[in-house]
Amino acid sequence: MALDSPHTGIVDWRVACLSYAADFQQAGGSIRTTFTVSDIQPAAQSPAQSSEGLKYPIIIRSSEGEEVHCRFVLTCAGLYSDRLSEISGCSAEPRIVPFRGDYLVLKPEKNYLVKGNIYPVPDPRFPFLGVHFTPRMDGSVWLGPNAVLAFKREGYTLTDFNTHDFTDALAFRGLQKLVMKNLRFGVGEMYRGMFISAQVKLLQKYIPDLQPSDVVRGPSGVRAQALDRDGNLVDDFVFDGGVGELGSRVLHVRNAPSPAATSSLAIAMAVADELEARFVL
């Protein structure tokens, strides 16, 4: 599969991630999945019979009892960045609130309606960008997304629900203030998410010929939106360090500006600069 389409600037993000992973492994790194972090602590003492002392002074433990020993720790945990930061003693804020974005997909015979990326001019009164038209590497065209509160941090469907995630979000004063400031907008987004015709009506502002019969429901994504206690969407980098002994060894990326995929290399450079400024590597 090709990585990119040079005439459109469209990139297959899955292929790009696999390429990054291969580069990382070739440089000597290892990748672990299904490793749920439960604790980040400084090592109490050197391992038995160690001649190097505390070469790896940080221990990351998983909920399954596995351990990884590290010299330095960098976390970029997306939907769980606030909780992972709290594990090492950092503040609970900014808080991550999950917003699900649902897409529609043009039927293949209607793809001729969209010849390139179409983005609206952002409305400063509202917190999200708005619907857009996105041609994909496989030739499909996605329309959307909307933006509605997800009832689970990894809630990719309307029926996904997690009691802890839901009550945690609703109890946060920042979300309460955001909802009150944008109540009408939020209700409209929920309505458009339920009814295709309502979503298409909004899309017709950009392509008047588009009809509800031209689209089908598509995939959904969940945005890890950082909020402060005043209900403001955090739109810049937020870095945080561990507390105590962890402060000189742990760096949390609690928020990275969107679009993260498009700007991934530039964001990586900014994170690397932050690491060099904080730690003696």
Protein backbone atom coordinates (compact mmCIF):
# COMPACT_ATOMS: atom_id res chain seq x y z
CA MET A 1 0.00 0.00 0.00
CA ALA A 2 1.28 3.45 -0.86
CA LEU A 3 2.10 5.80 2.00
CA ASP A 4 0.87 8.97 0.33
CA SER A 5 -0.79 10.53 -2.68
CA PRO A 6 1.67 13.24 -3.78
CA HIS A 7 -0.82 15.28 -5.80
CA THR A 8 -3.35 15.59 -2.97
CA GLY A 9 -1.23 15.55 0.18
CA ILE A 10 -3.37 12.72 1.56
CA VAL A 11 -1.50 10.25 3.78
CA ASP A 12 -2.53 6.77 4.90
CA TRP A 13 -2.03 7.35 8.62
CA ARG A 14 -2.01 3.65 9.55
CA VAL A 15 0.84 3.01 7.12
CA ALA A 16 2.67 6.08 8.44
CA CYS A 17 2.39 4.78 12.02
CA LEU A 18 3.68 1.36 11.03
CA SER A 19 6.64 3.06 9.37
CA TYR A 20 7.35 5.07 12.52
CA ALA A 21 7.14 1.87 14.57
CA ALA A 22 9.60 0.09 12.25
CA ASP A 23 12.07 3.00 12.55
CA PHE A 24 11.77 2.87 16.34
CA GLN A 25 12.39 -0.87 16.49
CA GLN A 26 15.33 -0.65 14.11
CA ALA A 27 16.86 1.93 16.46
CA GLY A 28 16.71 -0.62 19.29
CA GLY A 29 13.31 0.12 20.79
CA SER A 30 10.64 -2.40 21.68
CA ILE A 31 6.85 -2.02 21.47
CA ARG A 32 4.39 -3.48 23.96
CA THR A 33 0.63 -3.45 23.57
CA THR A 34 -2.14 -4.28 26.08
CA PHE A 35 0.09 -2.86 28.84
CA THR A 36 -2.26 -0.96 31.17
CA VAL A 37 -0.16 1.31 33.39
CA SER A 38 -1.17 1.19 37.04
CA ASP A 39 1.83 2.79 38.74
CA ILE A 40 4.91 4.91 38.04
CA GLN A 41 7.40 4.96 40.92
CA PRO A 42 11.11 5.55 41.57
CA ALA A 43 13.06 2.37 42.20
CA ALA A 44 13.78 1.87 45.89
CA GLN A 45 17.26 0.42 45.41
CA SER A 46 19.65 -1.06 42.88
CA PRO A 47 18.89 -4.55 41.63
CA ALA A 48 20.76 -7.31 43.41
CA GLN A 49 24.35 -7.85 42.18
CA SER A 50 24.13 -4.75 39.97
CA SER A 51 27.44 -3.07 39.10
CA GLU A 52 25.75 -0.07 37.47
CA GLY A 53 23.67 1.16 40.40
CA LEU A 54 20.32 2.69 39.59
CA LYS A 55 20.82 2.85 35.84
CA TYR A 56 17.05 2.51 35.41
CA PRO A 57 15.62 4.41 38.38
CA ILE A 58 11.98 4.50 37.25
CA ILE A 59 9.63 1.52 37.41
CA ILE A 60 6.40 1.38 35.39
CA ARG A 61 3.99 -1.31 36.55
CA SER A 62 1.02 -2.69 34.69
CA SER A 63 -2.30 -3.82 36.14
CA GLU A 64 -1.23 -7.38 35.24
CA GLY A 65 1.91 -7.14 37.42
CA GLU A 66 4.48 -6.61 34.65
CA GLU A 67 7.33 -4.15 35.19
CA VAL A 68 9.40 -2.00 32.86
CA HIS A 69 12.53 -0.30 34.24
CA CYS A 70 13.45 3.03 32.62
CA ARG A 71 15.98 5.83 32.72
CA PHE A 72 13.44 8.40 31.56
CA VAL A 73 9.72 8.28 30.85
CA LEU A 74 7.79 10.21 28.21
CA THR A 75 4.03 9.70 28.08
CA CYS A 76 1.70 10.72 25.27
CA ALA A 77 -1.46 8.96 26.38
CA GLY A 78 -4.23 10.78 24.50
CA LEU A 79 -7.58 9.92 26.07
CA TYR A 80 -5.83 8.85 29.27
CA SER A 81 -3.15 11.56 29.49
CA ASP A 82 -4.70 13.20 32.58
CA ARG A 83 -5.10 9.93 34.46
CA LEU A 84 -1.58 8.79 33.62
CA SER A 85 -0.26 12.15 34.85
CA GLU A 86 -2.18 11.80 38.10
CA ILE A 87 -0.58 8.39 38.68
CA SER A 88 2.79 10.13 39.07
CA GLY A 89 1.36 12.81 41.39
CA CYS A 90 0.48 15.58 38.92
CA SER A 91 -2.59 17.78 38.99
CA ALA A 92 -5.94 16.45 37.75
CA GLU A 93 -6.22 19.38 35.36
CA PRO A 94 -6.44 20.01 32.51
CA ARG A 95 -9.01 17.22 32.32
CA ILE A 96 -9.58 15.08 29.25
CA VAL A 97 -13.20 14.96 28.08
CA PRO A 98 -13.96 12.58 25.19
CA PHE A 99 -15.94 13.92 22.23
CA ARG A 100 -17.08 11.48 19.56
CA GLY A 101 -17.11 12.56 15.93
CA ASP A 102 -19.37 10.62 13.55
CA TYR A 103 -18.72 10.66 9.81
CA LEU A 104 -20.92 10.07 6.81
CA VAL A 105 -19.44 8.47 3.67
CA LEU A 106 -20.38 9.33 0.11
CA LYS A 107 -21.67 6.46 -1.96
CA PRO A 108 -18.99 5.59 -4.56
CA GLU A 109 -21.11 6.72 -7.49
CA LYS A 110 -21.33 10.19 -5.89
CA ASN A 111 -17.61 10.71 -5.25
CA TYR A 112 -17.43 13.03 -8.26
CA LEU A 113 -19.16 15.69 -6.13
CA VAL A 114 -15.96 16.22 -4.10
CA LYS A 115 -12.74 16.92 -5.99
CA GLY A 116 -10.56 17.93 -3.02
CA ASN A 117 -10.52 18.76 0.67
CA ILE A 118 -13.23 21.24 1.69
CA TYR A 119 -12.98 22.92 5.09
CA PRO A 120 -15.27 25.62 6.52
CA VAL A 121 -13.99 28.88 7.96
CA PRO A 122 -13.99 28.27 11.74
CA ASP A 123 -16.72 30.05 13.68
CA PRO A 124 -15.07 31.59 16.77
CA ARG A 125 -18.37 31.36 18.68
CA PHE A 126 -18.16 27.57 18.77
CA PRO A 127 -15.45 25.26 20.12
CA PHE A 128 -15.04 22.88 17.16
CA LEU A 129 -14.02 23.28 13.53
CA GLY A 130 -17.22 22.06 11.90
CA VAL A 131 -17.98 19.59 9.12
CA HIS A 132 -15.56 19.08 6.25
CA PHE A 133 -15.14 16.91 3.16
CA THR A 134 -12.15 14.56 3.16
CA PRO A 135 -11.08 12.35 0.21
CA ARG A 136 -9.30 9.23 1.47
CA MET A 137 -6.46 7.09 0.16
CA ASP A 138 -8.85 4.29 -0.78
CA GLY A 139 -10.94 6.63 -2.94
CA SER A 140 -13.77 7.06 -0.44
CA VAL A 141 -14.93 10.50 0.74
CA TRP A 142 -15.77 11.17 4.39
CA LEU A 143 -18.16 13.96 5.39
CA GLY A 144 -18.15 15.38 8.89
CA PRO A 145 -17.61 14.97 11.74
CA ASN A 146 -20.10 16.20 14.27
CA ALA A 147 -18.94 16.60 17.89
CA VAL A 148 -20.90 15.04 20.75
CA LEU A 149 -19.92 14.03 24.26
CA ALA A 150 -18.88 10.37 24.33
CA PHE A 151 -20.18 8.30 27.24
CA LYS A 152 -16.91 6.37 27.40
CA ARG A 153 -13.31 7.43 26.81
CA GLU A 154 -13.09 4.89 24.03
CA GLY A 155 -16.75 5.19 23.11
CA TYR A 156 -16.79 4.87 19.35
CA THR A 157 -20.50 4.05 19.08
CA LEU A 158 -23.63 5.68 20.47
CA THR A 159 -24.27 2.75 22.82
CA ASP A 160 -20.76 2.58 24.33
CA PHE A 161 -21.01 3.50 28.01
CA ASN A 162 -18.70 3.46 31.02
CA THR A 163 -20.05 4.62 34.38
CA HIS A 164 -16.72 5.92 35.67
CA ASP A 165 -15.87 7.82 32.49
CA PHE A 166 -19.37 9.31 32.23
CA THR A 167 -19.72 10.46 35.85
CA ASP A 168 -16.13 11.72 35.87
CA ALA A 169 -16.87 13.96 32.87
CA LEU A 170 -20.23 15.24 34.14
CA ALA A 171 -18.81 16.07 37.58
CA PHE A 172 -16.04 18.22 36.09
CA ARG A 173 -16.82 21.90 36.46
CA GLY A 174 -15.03 22.71 33.22
CA LEU A 175 -17.41 20.54 31.19
CA GLN A 176 -20.42 21.97 32.99
CA LYS A 177 -19.34 25.48 32.00
CA LEU A 178 -18.59 24.44 28.40
CA VAL A 179 -22.07 22.91 28.09
CA MET A 180 -23.80 25.99 29.45
CA LYS A 181 -21.88 28.28 27.09
CA ASN A 182 -22.66 26.11 24.06
CA LEU A 183 -25.97 24.45 24.95
CA ARG A 184 -27.76 25.25 21.69
CA PHE A 185 -24.77 24.17 19.61
CA GLY A 186 -24.44 20.93 21.56
CA VAL A 187 -28.11 20.01 21.17
CA GLY A 188 -27.83 20.69 17.43
CA GLU A 189 -24.79 18.42 17.15
CA MET A 190 -26.62 15.60 18.93
CA TYR A 191 -29.64 16.01 16.66
CA ARG A 192 -27.49 15.95 13.52
CA GLY A 193 -25.74 12.86 14.83
CA MET A 194 -29.05 11.03 15.12
CA PHE A 195 -30.57 12.03 11.77
CA ILE A 196 -28.65 11.81 8.49
CA SER A 197 -30.95 14.34 6.83
CA ALA A 198 -30.04 16.96 9.44
CA GLN A 199 -26.33 16.36 8.90
CA VAL A 200 -26.75 16.56 5.13
CA LYS A 201 -28.64 19.84 5.45
CA LEU A 202 -25.55 21.36 7.04
CA LEU A 203 -23.29 19.86 4.38
CA GLN A 204 -25.45 21.32 1.61
CA LYS A 205 -24.09 24.77 2.49
CA TYR A 206 -20.93 23.67 0.69
CA ILE A 207 -22.32 21.26 -1.92
CA PRO A 208 -25.98 22.12 -2.66
CA ASP A 209 -26.46 19.06 -4.90
CA LEU A 210 -25.79 16.66 -2.02
CA GLN A 211 -28.83 14.60 -0.98
CA PRO A 212 -29.46 12.28 2.03
CA SER A 213 -29.68 9.36 -0.40
CA ASP A 214 -26.08 10.06 -1.49
CA VAL A 215 -24.52 9.07 1.84
CA VAL A 216 -24.30 6.24 4.34
CA ARG A 217 -23.16 6.21 7.95
CA GLY A 218 -19.41 5.88 8.29
CA PRO A 219 -16.81 5.44 11.03
CA SER A 220 -16.43 7.43 14.22
CA GLY A 221 -13.46 8.80 16.13
CA VAL A 222 -13.02 10.05 19.69
CA ARG A 223 -11.19 13.30 20.33
CA ALA A 224 -9.19 13.63 23.56
CA GLN A 225 -10.21 17.20 24.34
CA ALA A 226 -8.34 18.91 27.17
CA LEU A 227 -10.47 21.32 29.21
CA ASP A 228 -9.57 23.73 31.99
CA ARG A 229 -11.84 24.37 34.98
CA ASP A 230 -13.32 27.47 33.32
CA GLY A 231 -14.67 25.47 30.39
CA ASN A 232 -12.03 26.59 27.90
CA LEU A 233 -10.73 24.16 25.29
CA VAL A 234 -6.96 23.89 25.64
CA ASP A 235 -5.47 24.40 22.19
CA ASP A 236 -1.75 24.55 22.95
CA PHE A 237 0.89 22.21 24.31
CA VAL A 238 0.61 21.25 27.98
CA PHE A 239 3.63 19.50 29.50
CA ASP A 240 3.81 18.19 33.05
CA GLY A 241 6.44 16.41 35.10
CA GLY A 242 6.31 13.93 37.90
CA VAL A 243 6.39 14.91 41.56
CA GLY A 244 9.45 14.52 43.80
CA GLU A 245 12.07 12.15 42.45
CA LEU A 246 10.00 11.61 39.32
CA GLY A 247 10.25 15.29 38.39
CA SER A 248 13.68 14.94 36.80
CA ARG A 249 12.82 11.70 34.99
CA VAL A 250 9.19 11.83 33.83
CA LEU A 251 7.55 14.09 31.24
CA HIS A 252 3.85 13.92 30.38
CA VAL A 253 2.47 15.39 27.16
CA ARG A 254 -0.98 16.25 28.50
CA ASN A 255 -2.13 18.02 25.35
CA ALA A 256 -0.78 18.37 21.83
CA PRO A 257 -2.38 20.74 19.32
CA SER A 258 -4.57 19.37 16.55
CA PRO A 259 -4.04 18.22 13.84
CA ALA A 260 -1.75 15.75 15.55
CA ALA A 261 -1.34 13.36 12.62
CA THR A 262 -0.71 16.06 10.03
CA SER A 263 1.79 17.77 12.33
CA SER A 264 3.28 14.62 13.86
CA LEU A 265 6.90 15.30 12.85
CA ALA A 266 6.75 18.93 13.97
CA ILE A 267 5.11 17.89 17.25
CA ALA A 268 7.82 15.26 17.77
CA MET A 269 10.48 17.97 17.37
CA ALA A 270 8.70 20.18 19.92
CA VAL A 271 8.49 17.29 22.40
CA ALA A 272 12.17 16.45 21.85
CA ASP A 273 13.10 20.08 22.53
CA GLU A 274 11.10 19.96 25.77
CA LEU A 275 12.87 16.78 26.83
CA GLU A 276 16.29 18.30 26.20
CA ALA A 277 15.36 21.43 28.14
CA ARG A 278 14.13 19.50 31.18
CA PHE A 279 16.44 16.49 31.41
CA VAL A 280 20.16 15.76 31.18
CA LEU A 281 20.06 13.04 28.53
